[in-house]
């Protein structure tokens, strides 16, 4: 059921955000890279390797300030749209994958302050 809801969120973001991209990565691609993370984001537990691969793919595409702000906006939209998202799990995800994201993954993040 969560994957169906996530797919709906991805489609909605693709329609709403449409042409917005971050160094060639659209919001749909950002969301697709995080699809395997939904279980962890909602329930905690073990982070699947495919989830961490997706997180790393996203970070590798964040080369410029515009890229990082675009990705932040995509993550912010998703954080607000995923039902049952545990904010503590969202905050823990980068560390669990061994990476550092220089902003808070939250629906309240001000992406315009990211450098």
PDB file of N, CA and C in Angstrom:
ATOM      1  N   UNK A   1       0.824  -1.186   0.000  1.00  0.00           N
ATOM      2  CA  UNK A   1       0.000   0.000   0.000  1.00  0.00           C
ATOM      3  C   UNK A   1       0.870   1.253   0.000  1.00  0.00           C
ATOM      4  N   UNK A   2       1.956   1.243   0.781  1.00  0.00           N
ATOM      5  CA  UNK A   2       2.835   2.412   0.844  1.00  0.00           C
ATOM      6  C   UNK A   2       3.456   2.695  -0.514  1.00  0.00           C
ATOM      7  N   UNK A   3       3.798   1.636  -1.264  1.00  0.00           N
ATOM      8  CA  UNK A   3       4.421   1.869  -2.568  1.00  0.00           C
ATOM      9  C   UNK A   3       3.424   2.482  -3.547  1.00  0.00           C
ATOM     10  N   UNK A   4       2.149   2.138  -3.430  1.00  0.00           N
ATOM     11  CA  UNK A   4       1.130   2.734  -4.292  1.00  0.00           C
ATOM     12  C   UNK A   4       0.981   4.213  -3.951  1.00  0.00           C
ATOM     13  N   UNK A   5       0.950   4.532  -2.640  1.00  0.00           N
ATOM     14  CA  UNK A   5       0.853   5.928  -2.222  1.00  0.00           C
ATOM     15  C   UNK A   5       2.073   6.702  -2.692  1.00  0.00           C
ATOM     16  N   UNK A   6       3.247   6.096  -2.576  1.00  0.00           N
ATOM     17  CA  UNK A   6       4.466   6.770  -2.992  1.00  0.00           C
ATOM     18  C   UNK A   6       4.442   7.019  -4.492  1.00  0.00           C
ATOM     19  N   UNK A   7       3.979   6.045  -5.250  1.00  0.00           N
ATOM     20  CA  UNK A   7       3.898   6.217  -6.699  1.00  0.00           C
ATOM     21  C   UNK A   7       2.968   7.377  -7.038  1.00  0.00           C
ATOM     22  N   UNK A   8       1.876   7.510  -6.297  1.00  0.00           N
ATOM     23  CA  UNK A   8       0.960   8.631  -6.521  1.00  0.00           C
ATOM     24  C   UNK A   8       1.641   9.954  -6.215  1.00  0.00           C
ATOM     25  N   UNK A   9       2.433   9.985  -5.128  1.00  0.00           N
ATOM     26  CA  UNK A   9       3.169  11.198  -4.776  1.00  0.00           C
ATOM     27  C   UNK A   9       4.141  11.552  -5.891  1.00  0.00           C
ATOM     28  N   UNK A  10       4.843  10.550  -6.417  1.00  0.00           N
ATOM     29  CA  UNK A  10       5.804  10.782  -7.495  1.00  0.00           C
ATOM     30  C   UNK A  10       5.098  11.373  -8.703  1.00  0.00           C
ATOM     31  N   UNK A  11       3.976  10.796  -9.081  1.00  0.00           N
ATOM     32  CA  UNK A  11       3.234  11.293 -10.242  1.00  0.00           C
ATOM     33  C   UNK A  11       2.758  12.719  -9.988  1.00  0.00           C
ATOM     34  N   UNK A  12       2.235  12.985  -8.776  1.00  0.00           N
ATOM     35  CA  UNK A  12       1.779  14.335  -8.459  1.00  0.00           C
ATOM     36  C   UNK A  12       2.930  15.330  -8.544  1.00  0.00           C
ATOM     37  N   UNK A  13       4.071  14.965  -8.002  1.00  0.00           N
ATOM     38  CA  UNK A  13       5.218  15.869  -8.038  1.00  0.00           C
ATOM     39  C   UNK A  13       5.689  16.103  -9.466  1.00  0.00           C
ATOM     40  N   UNK A  14       5.646  15.070 -10.282  1.00  0.00           N
ATOM     41  CA  UNK A  14       6.075  15.225 -11.668  1.00  0.00           C
ATOM     42  C   UNK A  14       5.144  16.188 -12.395  1.00  0.00           C
ATOM     43  N   UNK A  15       3.853  16.121 -12.090  1.00  0.00           N
ATOM     44  CA  UNK A  15       2.892  17.009 -12.740  1.00  0.00           C
ATOM     45  C   UNK A  15       3.035  18.425 -12.194  1.00  0.00           C
ATOM     46  N   UNK A  16       3.107  18.568 -10.861  1.00  0.00           N
ATOM     47  CA  UNK A  16       3.174  19.886 -10.237  1.00  0.00           C
ATOM     48  C   UNK A  16       4.501  20.566 -10.515  1.00  0.00           C
ATOM     49  N   UNK A  17       5.593  19.829 -10.343  1.00  0.00           N
ATOM     50  CA  UNK A  17       6.913  20.426 -10.484  1.00  0.00           C
ATOM     51  C   UNK A  17       7.367  20.375 -11.931  1.00  0.00           C
ATOM     52  N   UNK A  18       6.924  19.380 -12.662  1.00  0.00           N
ATOM     53  CA  UNK A  18       7.155  19.278 -14.094  1.00  0.00           C
ATOM     54  C   UNK A  18       8.584  19.486 -14.528  1.00  0.00           C
ATOM     55  N   UNK A  19       8.870  20.651 -15.078  1.00  0.00           N
ATOM     56  CA  UNK A  19      10.170  20.904 -15.695  1.00  0.00           C
ATOM     57  C   UNK A  19      11.275  21.189 -14.690  1.00  0.00           C
ATOM     58  N   UNK A  20      10.937  21.326 -13.409  1.00  0.00           N
ATOM     59  CA  UNK A  20      11.980  21.620 -12.429  1.00  0.00           C
ATOM     60  C   UNK A  20      12.961  20.467 -12.360  1.00  0.00           C
ATOM     61  N   UNK A  21      14.227  20.778 -12.503  1.00  0.00           N
ATOM     62  CA  UNK A  21      15.237  19.737 -12.415  1.00  0.00           C
ATOM     63  C   UNK A  21      16.462  20.260 -11.706  1.00  0.00           C
ATOM     64  N   UNK A  22      17.266  19.333 -11.222  1.00  0.00           N
ATOM     65  CA  UNK A  22      18.509  19.665 -10.542  1.00  0.00           C
ATOM     66  C   UNK A  22      19.612  18.935 -11.282  1.00  0.00           C
ATOM     67  N   UNK A  23      20.379  19.680 -12.082  1.00  0.00           N
ATOM     68  CA  UNK A  23      21.473  19.091 -12.868  1.00  0.00           C
ATOM     69  C   UNK A  23      20.972  17.865 -13.615  1.00  0.00           C
ATOM     70  N   UNK A  24      19.835  18.023 -14.278  1.00  0.00           N
ATOM     71  CA  UNK A  24      19.297  16.927 -15.051  1.00  0.00           C
ATOM     72  C   UNK A  24      18.455  15.953 -14.236  1.00  0.00           C
ATOM     73  N   UNK A  25      18.390  16.126 -12.914  1.00  0.00           N
ATOM     74  CA  UNK A  25      17.604  15.221 -12.075  1.00  0.00           C
ATOM     75  C   UNK A  25      16.284  15.903 -11.745  1.00  0.00           C
ATOM     76  N   UNK A  26      15.195  15.323 -12.234  1.00  0.00           N
ATOM     77  CA  UNK A  26      13.869  15.866 -11.962  1.00  0.00           C
ATOM     78  C   UNK A  26      13.407  15.416 -10.592  1.00  0.00           C
ATOM     79  N   UNK A  27      12.333  16.042 -10.119  1.00  0.00           N
ATOM     80  CA  UNK A  27      11.767  15.605  -8.840  1.00  0.00           C
ATOM     81  C   UNK A  27      11.305  14.147  -8.921  1.00  0.00           C
ATOM     82  N   UNK A  28      10.803  13.756 -10.069  1.00  0.00           N
ATOM     83  CA  UNK A  28      10.414  12.352 -10.240  1.00  0.00           C
ATOM     84  C   UNK A  28      11.596  11.416 -10.068  1.00  0.00           C
ATOM     85  N   UNK A  29      12.755  11.830 -10.571  1.00  0.00           N
ATOM     86  CA  UNK A  29      13.956  11.005 -10.414  1.00  0.00           C
ATOM     87  C   UNK A  29      14.431  10.994  -8.968  1.00  0.00           C
ATOM     88  N   UNK A  30      14.346  12.142  -8.304  1.00  0.00           N
ATOM     89  CA  UNK A  30      14.709  12.191  -6.884  1.00  0.00           C
ATOM     90  C   UNK A  30      13.811  11.229  -6.113  1.00  0.00           C
ATOM     91  N   UNK A  31      12.514  11.312  -6.347  1.00  0.00           N
ATOM     92  CA  UNK A  31      11.566  10.445  -5.651  1.00  0.00           C
ATOM     93  C   UNK A  31      11.802   8.970  -5.998  1.00  0.00           C
ATOM     94  N   UNK A  32      12.086   8.713  -7.271  1.00  0.00           N
ATOM     95  CA  UNK A  32      12.371   7.334  -7.682  1.00  0.00           C
ATOM     96  C   UNK A  32      13.592   6.768  -6.981  1.00  0.00           C
ATOM     97  N   UNK A  33      14.602   7.615  -6.787  1.00  0.00           N
ATOM     98  CA  UNK A  33      15.807   7.175  -6.081  1.00  0.00           C
ATOM     99  C   UNK A  33      15.520   6.859  -4.620  1.00  0.00           C
ATOM    100  N   UNK A  34      14.458   7.441  -4.074  1.00  0.00           N
ATOM    101  CA  UNK A  34      14.124   7.210  -2.668  1.00  0.00           C
ATOM    102  C   UNK A  34      13.002   6.188  -2.459  1.00  0.00           C
ATOM    103  N   UNK A  35      12.506   5.608  -3.541  1.00  0.00           N
ATOM    104  CA  UNK A  35      11.378   4.672  -3.427  1.00  0.00           C
ATOM    105  C   UNK A  35      11.665   3.525  -2.462  1.00  0.00           C
ATOM    106  N   UNK A  36      12.879   3.037  -2.459  1.00  0.00           N
ATOM    107  CA  UNK A  36      13.226   1.907  -1.583  1.00  0.00           C
ATOM    108  C   UNK A  36      13.394   2.332  -0.124  1.00  0.00           C
ATOM    109  N   UNK A  37      13.286   3.628   0.150  1.00  0.00           N
ATOM    110  CA  UNK A  37      13.475   4.154   1.512  1.00  0.00           C
ATOM    111  C   UNK A  37      12.160   4.289   2.276  1.00  0.00           C
ATOM    112  N   UNK A  38      11.032   4.166   1.601  1.00  0.00           N
ATOM    113  CA  UNK A  38       9.739   4.434   2.225  1.00  0.00           C
ATOM    114  C   UNK A  38       9.523   3.622   3.500  1.00  0.00           C
ATOM    115  N   UNK A  39       9.818   2.346   3.476  1.00  0.00           N
ATOM    116  CA  UNK A  39       9.631   1.511   4.668  1.00  0.00           C
ATOM    117  C   UNK A  39      10.419   2.037   5.851  1.00  0.00           C
ATOM    118  N   UNK A  40      11.678   2.396   5.626  1.00  0.00           N
ATOM    119  CA  UNK A  40      12.497   2.935   6.707  1.00  0.00           C
ATOM    120  C   UNK A  40      11.961   4.288   7.163  1.00  0.00           C
ATOM    121  N   UNK A  41      11.594   5.143   6.225  1.00  0.00           N
ATOM    122  CA  UNK A  41      11.126   6.479   6.579  1.00  0.00           C
ATOM    123  C   UNK A  41       9.847   6.439   7.411  1.00  0.00           C
ATOM    124  N   UNK A  42       9.033   5.441   7.191  1.00  0.00           N
ATOM    125  CA  UNK A  42       7.793   5.323   7.953  1.00  0.00           C
ATOM    126  C   UNK A  42       7.973   4.529   9.245  1.00  0.00           C
ATOM    127  N   UNK A  43       8.761   3.456   9.191  1.00  0.00           N
ATOM    128  CA  UNK A  43       8.795   2.515  10.306  1.00  0.00           C
ATOM    129  C   UNK A  43      10.147   2.329  10.971  1.00  0.00           C
ATOM    130  N   UNK A  44      11.220   2.883  10.397  1.00  0.00           N
ATOM    131  CA  UNK A  44      12.557   2.675  10.957  1.00  0.00           C
ATOM    132  C   UNK A  44      13.066   1.293  10.606  1.00  0.00           C
ATOM    133  N   UNK A  45      14.013   0.802  11.390  1.00  0.00           N
ATOM    134  CA  UNK A  45      14.580  -0.524  11.150  1.00  0.00           C
ATOM    135  C   UNK A  45      15.826  -0.452  10.297  1.00  0.00           C
ATOM    136  N   UNK A  46      16.037  -1.484   9.505  1.00  0.00           N
ATOM    137  CA  UNK A  46      17.214  -1.590   8.648  1.00  0.00           C
ATOM    138  C   UNK A  46      16.973  -0.796   7.358  1.00  0.00           C
ATOM    139  N   UNK A  47      17.984  -0.033   6.954  1.00  0.00           N
ATOM    140  CA  UNK A  47      17.891   0.711   5.692  1.00  0.00           C
ATOM    141  C   UNK A  47      18.355  -0.206   4.564  1.00  0.00           C
ATOM    142  N   UNK A  48      17.505  -0.457   3.564  1.00  0.00           N
ATOM    143  CA  UNK A  48      17.913  -1.322   2.455  1.00  0.00           C
ATOM    144  C   UNK A  48      19.075  -0.716   1.659  1.00  0.00           C
ATOM    145  N   UNK A  49      20.004  -1.546   1.194  1.00  0.00           N
ATOM    146  CA  UNK A  49      21.113  -1.034   0.375  1.00  0.00           C
ATOM    147  C   UNK A  49      20.633  -0.231  -0.839  1.00  0.00           C
ATOM    148  N   UNK A  50      19.521  -0.633  -1.456  1.00  0.00           N
ATOM    149  CA  UNK A  50      19.001   0.101  -2.612  1.00  0.00           C
ATOM    150  C   UNK A  50      18.590   1.519  -2.224  1.00  0.00           C
ATOM    151  N   UNK A  51      18.119   1.690  -1.017  1.00  0.00           N
ATOM    152  CA  UNK A  51      17.764   3.016  -0.512  1.00  0.00           C
ATOM    153  C   UNK A  51      19.019   3.879  -0.425  1.00  0.00           C
ATOM    154  N   UNK A  52      20.071   3.345   0.193  1.00  0.00           N
ATOM    155  CA  UNK A  52      21.323   4.109   0.321  1.00  0.00           C
ATOM    156  C   UNK A  52      21.927   4.420  -1.048  1.00  0.00           C
ATOM    157  N   UNK A  53      21.806   3.504  -1.983  1.00  0.00           N
ATOM    158  CA  UNK A  53      22.295   3.778  -3.345  1.00  0.00           C
ATOM    159  C   UNK A  53      21.544   4.961  -3.942  1.00  0.00           C
ATOM    160  N   UNK A  54      20.240   5.016  -3.699  1.00  0.00           N
ATOM    161  CA  UNK A  54      19.438   6.131  -4.196  1.00  0.00           C
ATOM    162  C   UNK A  54      19.835   7.445  -3.549  1.00  0.00           C
ATOM    163  N   UNK A  55      20.062   7.428  -2.233  1.00  0.00           N
ATOM    164  CA  UNK A  55      20.496   8.635  -1.516  1.00  0.00           C
ATOM    165  C   UNK A  55      21.827   9.120  -2.091  1.00  0.00           C
ATOM    166  N   UNK A  56      22.744   8.202  -2.326  1.00  0.00           N
ATOM    167  CA  UNK A  56      24.058   8.566  -2.871  1.00  0.00           C
ATOM    168  C   UNK A  56      23.933   9.106  -4.298  1.00  0.00           C
ATOM    169  N   UNK A  57      23.039   8.533  -5.103  1.00  0.00           N
ATOM    170  CA  UNK A  57      22.810   9.039  -6.465  1.00  0.00           C
ATOM    171  C   UNK A  57      22.333  10.486  -6.430  1.00  0.00           C
ATOM    172  N   UNK A  58      21.431  10.760  -5.515  1.00  0.00           N
ATOM    173  CA  UNK A  58      20.900  12.114  -5.390  1.00  0.00           C
ATOM    174  C   UNK A  58      22.017  13.077  -5.001  1.00  0.00           C
ATOM    175  N   UNK A  59      22.799  12.711  -4.004  1.00  0.00           N
ATOM    176  CA  UNK A  59      23.878  13.596  -3.559  1.00  0.00           C
ATOM    177  C   UNK A  59      24.928  13.799  -4.636  1.00  0.00           C
ATOM    178  N   UNK A  60      25.202  12.778  -5.406  1.00  0.00           N
ATOM    179  CA  UNK A  60      26.185  12.905  -6.483  1.00  0.00           C
ATOM    180  C   UNK A  60      25.725  13.881  -7.568  1.00  0.00           C
ATOM    181  N   UNK A  61      24.423  14.101  -7.668  1.00  0.00           N
ATOM    182  CA  UNK A  61      23.916  15.026  -8.676  1.00  0.00           C
ATOM    183  C   UNK A  61      23.834  16.459  -8.149  1.00  0.00           C
ATOM    184  N   UNK A  62      24.106  16.651  -6.858  1.00  0.00           N
ATOM    185  CA  UNK A  62      23.992  17.975  -6.235  1.00  0.00           C
ATOM    186  C   UNK A  62      25.323  18.702  -6.293  1.00  0.00           C
ATOM    187  N   UNK A  63      25.698  19.169  -7.486  1.00  0.00           N
ATOM    188  CA  UNK A  63      27.019  19.776  -7.690  1.00  0.00           C
ATOM    189  C   UNK A  63      27.038  21.279  -7.475  1.00  0.00           C
ATOM    190  N   UNK A  64      25.921  21.938  -7.692  1.00  0.00           N
ATOM    191  CA  UNK A  64      25.873  23.397  -7.577  1.00  0.00           C
ATOM    192  C   UNK A  64      24.826  23.797  -6.544  1.00  0.00           C
ATOM    193  N   UNK A  65      24.834  25.078  -6.176  1.00  0.00           N
ATOM    194  CA  UNK A  65      23.815  25.582  -5.252  1.00  0.00           C
ATOM    195  C   UNK A  65      22.420  25.361  -5.821  1.00  0.00           C
ATOM    196  N   UNK A  66      22.251  25.623  -7.110  1.00  0.00           N
ATOM    197  CA  UNK A  66      20.941  25.421  -7.749  1.00  0.00           C
ATOM    198  C   UNK A  66      20.523  23.954  -7.683  1.00  0.00           C
ATOM    199  N   UNK A  67      21.476  23.043  -7.888  1.00  0.00           N
ATOM    200  CA  UNK A  67      21.177  21.610  -7.790  1.00  0.00           C
ATOM    201  C   UNK A  67      20.686  21.269  -6.391  1.00  0.00           C
ATOM    202  N   UNK A  68      21.442  21.729  -5.373  1.00  0.00           N
ATOM    203  CA  UNK A  68      21.098  21.410  -3.988  1.00  0.00           C
ATOM    204  C   UNK A  68      19.746  21.994  -3.602  1.00  0.00           C
ATOM    205  N   UNK A  69      19.475  23.207  -4.045  1.00  0.00           N
ATOM    206  CA  UNK A  69      18.182  23.826  -3.740  1.00  0.00           C
ATOM    207  C   UNK A  69      17.042  23.086  -4.435  1.00  0.00           C
ATOM    208  N   UNK A  70      17.258  22.669  -5.677  1.00  0.00           N
ATOM    209  CA  UNK A  70      16.233  21.912  -6.393  1.00  0.00           C
ATOM    210  C   UNK A  70      15.947  20.578  -5.731  1.00  0.00           C
ATOM    211  N   UNK A  71      17.005  19.886  -5.343  1.00  0.00           N
ATOM    212  CA  UNK A  71      16.835  18.591  -4.668  1.00  0.00           C
ATOM    213  C   UNK A  71      16.157  18.804  -3.325  1.00  0.00           C
ATOM    214  N   UNK A  72      16.562  19.835  -2.595  1.00  0.00           N
ATOM    215  CA  UNK A  72      15.924  20.155  -1.321  1.00  0.00           C
ATOM    216  C   UNK A  72      14.425  20.369  -1.512  1.00  0.00           C
ATOM    217  N   UNK A  73      14.054  21.128  -2.535  1.00  0.00           N
ATOM    218  CA  UNK A  73      12.631  21.384  -2.797  1.00  0.00           C
ATOM    219  C   UNK A  73      11.880  20.088  -3.084  1.00  0.00           C
ATOM    220  N   UNK A  74      12.504  19.205  -3.844  1.00  0.00           N
ATOM    221  CA  UNK A  74      11.883  17.908  -4.140  1.00  0.00           C
ATOM    222  C   UNK A  74      11.705  17.093  -2.855  1.00  0.00           C
ATOM    223  N   UNK A  75      12.756  17.052  -2.026  1.00  0.00           N
ATOM    224  CA  UNK A  75      12.687  16.296  -0.771  1.00  0.00           C
ATOM    225  C   UNK A  75      11.656  16.909   0.168  1.00  0.00           C
ATOM    226  N   UNK A  76      11.602  18.218   0.207  1.00  0.00           N
ATOM    227  CA  UNK A  76      10.642  18.913   1.062  1.00  0.00           C
ATOM    228  C   UNK A  76       9.213  18.566   0.651  1.00  0.00           C
ATOM    229  N   UNK A  77       8.950  18.594  -0.643  1.00  0.00           N
ATOM    230  CA  UNK A  77       7.616  18.244  -1.136  1.00  0.00           C
ATOM    231  C   UNK A  77       7.256  16.807  -0.776  1.00  0.00           C
ATOM    232  N   UNK A  78       8.210  15.924  -0.957  1.00  0.00           N
ATOM    233  CA  UNK A  78       7.962  14.512  -0.642  1.00  0.00           C
ATOM    234  C   UNK A  78       7.739  14.315   0.842  1.00  0.00           C
ATOM    235  N   UNK A  79       8.541  15.000   1.679  1.00  0.00           N
ATOM    236  CA  UNK A  79       8.401  14.858   3.128  1.00  0.00           C
ATOM    237  C   UNK A  79       7.011  15.280   3.577  1.00  0.00           C
ATOM    238  N   UNK A  80       6.451  16.292   2.923  1.00  0.00           N
ATOM    239  CA  UNK A  80       5.113  16.744   3.272  1.00  0.00           C
ATOM    240  C   UNK A  80       4.008  15.878   2.713  1.00  0.00           C
ATOM    241  N   UNK A  81       4.317  15.074   1.706  1.00  0.00           N
ATOM    242  CA  UNK A  81       3.287  14.293   1.022  1.00  0.00           C
ATOM    243  C   UNK A  81       3.227  12.830   1.443  1.00  0.00           C
ATOM    244  N   UNK A  82       4.302  12.307   2.002  1.00  0.00           N
ATOM    245  CA  UNK A  82       4.318  10.884   2.361  1.00  0.00           C
ATOM    246  C   UNK A  82       3.598  10.681   3.691  1.00  0.00           C
ATOM    247  N   UNK A  83       2.502   9.962   3.648  1.00  0.00           N
ATOM    248  CA  UNK A  83       1.714   9.690   4.845  1.00  0.00           C
ATOM    249  C   UNK A  83       2.503   8.775   5.773  1.00  0.00           C
ATOM    250  N   UNK A  84       2.530   9.136   7.056  1.00  0.00           N
ATOM    251  CA  UNK A  84       3.188   8.295   8.046  1.00  0.00           C
ATOM    252  C   UNK A  84       4.695   8.479   8.109  1.00  0.00           C
ATOM    253  N   UNK A  85       5.218   9.507   7.458  1.00  0.00           N
ATOM    254  CA  UNK A  85       6.657   9.762   7.501  1.00  0.00           C
ATOM    255  C   UNK A  85       7.062  10.110   8.929  1.00  0.00           C
ATOM    256  N   UNK A  86       8.066   9.426   9.437  1.00  0.00           N
ATOM    257  CA  UNK A  86       8.590   9.702  10.768  1.00  0.00           C
ATOM    258  C   UNK A  86       9.748  10.684  10.608  1.00  0.00           C
ATOM    259  N   UNK A  87       9.603  11.927  11.100  1.00  0.00           N
ATOM    260  CA  UNK A  87      10.652  12.929  10.922  1.00  0.00           C
ATOM    261  C   UNK A  87      12.018  12.487  11.469  1.00  0.00           C
ATOM    262  N   UNK A  88      12.024  11.742  12.541  1.00  0.00           N
ATOM    263  CA  UNK A  88      13.296  11.254  13.107  1.00  0.00           C
ATOM    264  C   UNK A  88      13.979  10.287  12.153  1.00  0.00           C
ATOM    265  N   UNK A  89      13.201   9.446  11.493  1.00  0.00           N
ATOM    266  CA  UNK A  89      13.776   8.512  10.523  1.00  0.00           C
ATOM    267  C   UNK A  89      14.329   9.259   9.317  1.00  0.00           C
ATOM    268  N   UNK A  90      13.611  10.318   8.876  1.00  0.00           N
ATOM    269  CA  UNK A  90      14.089  11.119   7.743  1.00  0.00           C
ATOM    270  C   UNK A  90      15.419  11.771   8.090  1.00  0.00           C
ATOM    271  N   UNK A  91      15.541  12.277   9.310  1.00  0.00           N
ATOM    272  CA  UNK A  91      16.785  12.908   9.741  1.00  0.00           C
ATOM    273  C   UNK A  91      17.922  11.903   9.854  1.00  0.00           C
ATOM    274  N   UNK A  92      17.599  10.678  10.241  1.00  0.00           N
ATOM    275  CA  UNK A  92      18.619   9.646  10.442  1.00  0.00           C
ATOM    276  C   UNK A  92      19.091   9.002   9.142  1.00  0.00           C
ATOM    277  N   UNK A  93      18.291   9.099   8.088  1.00  0.00           N
ATOM    278  CA  UNK A  93      18.593   8.386   6.845  1.00  0.00           C
ATOM    279  C   UNK A  93      19.976   8.674   6.274  1.00  0.00           C
ATOM    280  N   UNK A  94      20.382   9.927   6.108  1.00  0.00           N
ATOM    281  CA  UNK A  94      21.719  10.162   5.531  1.00  0.00           C
ATOM    282  C   UNK A  94      22.830   9.488   6.343  1.00  0.00           C
ATOM    283  N   UNK A  95      22.791   9.618   7.651  1.00  0.00           N
ATOM    284  CA  UNK A  95      23.807   9.004   8.509  1.00  0.00           C
ATOM    285  C   UNK A  95      23.805   7.490   8.400  1.00  0.00           C
ATOM    286  N   UNK A  96      22.622   6.896   8.300  1.00  0.00           N
ATOM    287  CA  UNK A  96      22.516   5.437   8.160  1.00  0.00           C
ATOM    288  C   UNK A  96      23.134   4.970   6.847  1.00  0.00           C
ATOM    289  N   UNK A  97      23.138   5.879   5.852  1.00  0.00           N
ATOM    290  CA  UNK A  97      23.723   5.554   4.548  1.00  0.00           C
ATOM    291  C   UNK A  97      25.175   6.017   4.439  1.00  0.00           C
ATOM    292  N   UNK A  98      25.696   6.600   5.505  1.00  0.00           N
ATOM    293  CA  UNK A  98      27.092   7.023   5.510  1.00  0.00           C
ATOM    294  C   UNK A  98      27.378   8.276   4.701  1.00  0.00           C
ATOM    295  N   UNK A  99      26.368   9.143   4.558  1.00  0.00           N
ATOM    296  CA  UNK A  99      26.547  10.391   3.818  1.00  0.00           C
ATOM    297  C   UNK A  99      26.057  11.565   4.665  1.00  0.00           C
ATOM    298  N   UNK A 100      26.426  12.764   4.251  1.00  0.00           N
ATOM    299  CA  UNK A 100      26.013  13.967   4.945  1.00  0.00           C
ATOM    300  C   UNK A 100      25.215  14.846   3.990  1.00  0.00           C
ATOM    301  N   UNK A 101      23.996  15.172   4.381  1.00  0.00           N
ATOM    302  CA  UNK A 101      23.184  16.123   3.633  1.00  0.00           C
ATOM    303  C   UNK A 101      23.181  17.398   4.473  1.00  0.00           C
ATOM    304  N   UNK A 102      23.640  18.503   3.895  1.00  0.00           N
ATOM    305  CA  UNK A 102      23.816  19.727   4.679  1.00  0.00           C
ATOM    306  C   UNK A 102      22.530  20.514   4.965  1.00  0.00           C
ATOM    307  N   UNK A 103      21.387  19.847   4.961  1.00  0.00           N
ATOM    308  CA  UNK A 103      20.145  20.500   5.339  1.00  0.00           C
ATOM    309  C   UNK A 103      19.228  19.459   5.948  1.00  0.00           C
ATOM    310  N   UNK A 104      18.224  19.941   6.659  1.00  0.00           N
ATOM    311  CA  UNK A 104      17.253  19.088   7.318  1.00  0.00           C
ATOM    312  C   UNK A 104      16.237  18.583   6.289  1.00  0.00           C
ATOM    313  N   UNK A 105      15.979  17.286   6.285  1.00  0.00           N
ATOM    314  CA  UNK A 105      14.948  16.728   5.403  1.00  0.00           C
ATOM    315  C   UNK A 105      13.622  16.875   6.141  1.00  0.00           C
ATOM    316  N   UNK A 106      12.886  17.897   5.762  1.00  0.00           N
ATOM    317  CA  UNK A 106      11.652  18.220   6.473  1.00  0.00           C
ATOM    318  C   UNK A 106      10.754  19.060   5.557  1.00  0.00           C
ATOM    319  N   UNK A 107       9.459  19.022   5.825  1.00  0.00           N
ATOM    320  CA  UNK A 107       8.531  19.840   5.052  1.00  0.00           C
ATOM    321  C   UNK A 107       8.648  21.316   5.445  1.00  0.00           C
ATOM    322  N   UNK A 108       9.413  21.625   6.506  1.00  0.00           N
ATOM    323  CA  UNK A 108       9.572  23.018   6.935  1.00  0.00           C
ATOM    324  C   UNK A 108      10.927  23.623   6.540  1.00  0.00           C
ATOM    325  N   UNK A 109      11.762  22.871   5.831  1.00  0.00           N
ATOM    326  CA  UNK A 109      13.077  23.376   5.440  1.00  0.00           C
ATOM    327  C   UNK A 109      12.951  24.547   4.466  1.00  0.00           C
ATOM    328  N   UNK A 110      13.743  25.601   4.690  1.00  0.00           N
ATOM    329  CA  UNK A 110      13.802  26.735   3.762  1.00  0.00           C
ATOM    330  C   UNK A 110      14.934  26.457   2.776  1.00  0.00           C
ATOM    331  N   UNK A 111      14.596  25.945   1.631  1.00  0.00           N
ATOM    332  CA  UNK A 111      15.598  25.539   0.637  1.00  0.00           C
ATOM    333  C   UNK A 111      16.371  26.717   0.060  1.00  0.00           C
ATOM    334  N   UNK A 112      15.835  27.921   0.160  1.00  0.00           N
ATOM    335  CA  UNK A 112      16.532  29.100  -0.362  1.00  0.00           C
ATOM    336  C   UNK A 112      17.764  29.468   0.446  1.00  0.00           C
ATOM    337  N   UNK A 113      17.913  28.890   1.636  1.00  0.00           N
ATOM    338  CA  UNK A 113      19.082  29.193   2.463  1.00  0.00           C
ATOM    339  C   UNK A 113      20.240  28.232   2.212  1.00  0.00           C
ATOM    340  N   UNK A 114      20.043  27.262   1.340  1.00  0.00           N
ATOM    341  CA  UNK A 114      21.077  26.260   1.067  1.00  0.00           C
ATOM    342  C   UNK A 114      22.071  26.822   0.061  1.00  0.00           C
ATOM    343  N   UNK A 115      23.353  26.646   0.356  1.00  0.00           N
ATOM    344  CA  UNK A 115      24.425  27.110  -0.551  1.00  0.00           C
ATOM    345  C   UNK A 115      24.941  25.986  -1.407  1.00  0.00           C
TER     346      UNK A 115
END
